[in-house]
Amino acid sequence: MSMPLAGVILSVTLMLAASLPAAATVIDFDSVPAAQQEQLVGNGFLGFDWDNIRILNPGTLANLSDGYATASLASHQNWVGYTGNGLSGGFSSSTPFYLNSALITAGWSSSLYVTITGYSDANRQHIAFISHLYANDETATLWNNTASTTPIESISFAAPANAQDQVIFSAVSVTPAVPEPESYALLGMGLLGMMLRRRLKSRPAR
């Protein structure tokens, strides 16, 4: 292998390692271990710490509001998450992440608005204000985060305190703000190419 070719391999692998995006994760409450109706999501589920988020399977309950069933049908997931007791709720991680999108609706109200807030390094950033969520809509609102591209460490979903309503959500998409293992593998290949180049360069000419 010639030195120029080793240099090309090094450059290409390092560029790929820097540009390879991390894969998005869709939070699926169907995978909660031993799930029970209205149970709090425990810390550690999917690598997050959870605050006042409960889960519910609307398909097994009668006389339930349309909001829960709507979120379940829209996401093709049996279990949905919701903020308990009409209070705010959310999740956090020690690894910064991007919030991409979510299916969101109201539990009971005919016109609910929800505030989504992100936090990072004790800094608060307003991400979205979603208005006019209707529990009896045929489909949940698919919200896409187009306003903020800053990594966050925690996220909060909140309805007005006087609404006494739950924020129902499912199919929440997040992306880690760190390289995936594939990126590190490519970086390792680049370092290997650098070592090979040095070795070839140090050989005496024949």
Foldseek 3Di string as FASTA:
>chain_A
DDLVVLVVLLVVLLVCLVPPFFDKDWDAPLPQPPADAQDFRDAPVVQKHWFQKGKHQVVVDPPFFQQQVQQCVQVVGRMWIKHPQQFKIWIFHPFWKAWFKKFKAWRADQKWKKWKWFAAPNDIDTFDIGIGGGRPDNHTDIDGGPPDDDTGGMMMIHTDSVVRIMMIIGRTMMGGPDGDVVSVVSNVSSVVSVVVSVVVVPDDDD
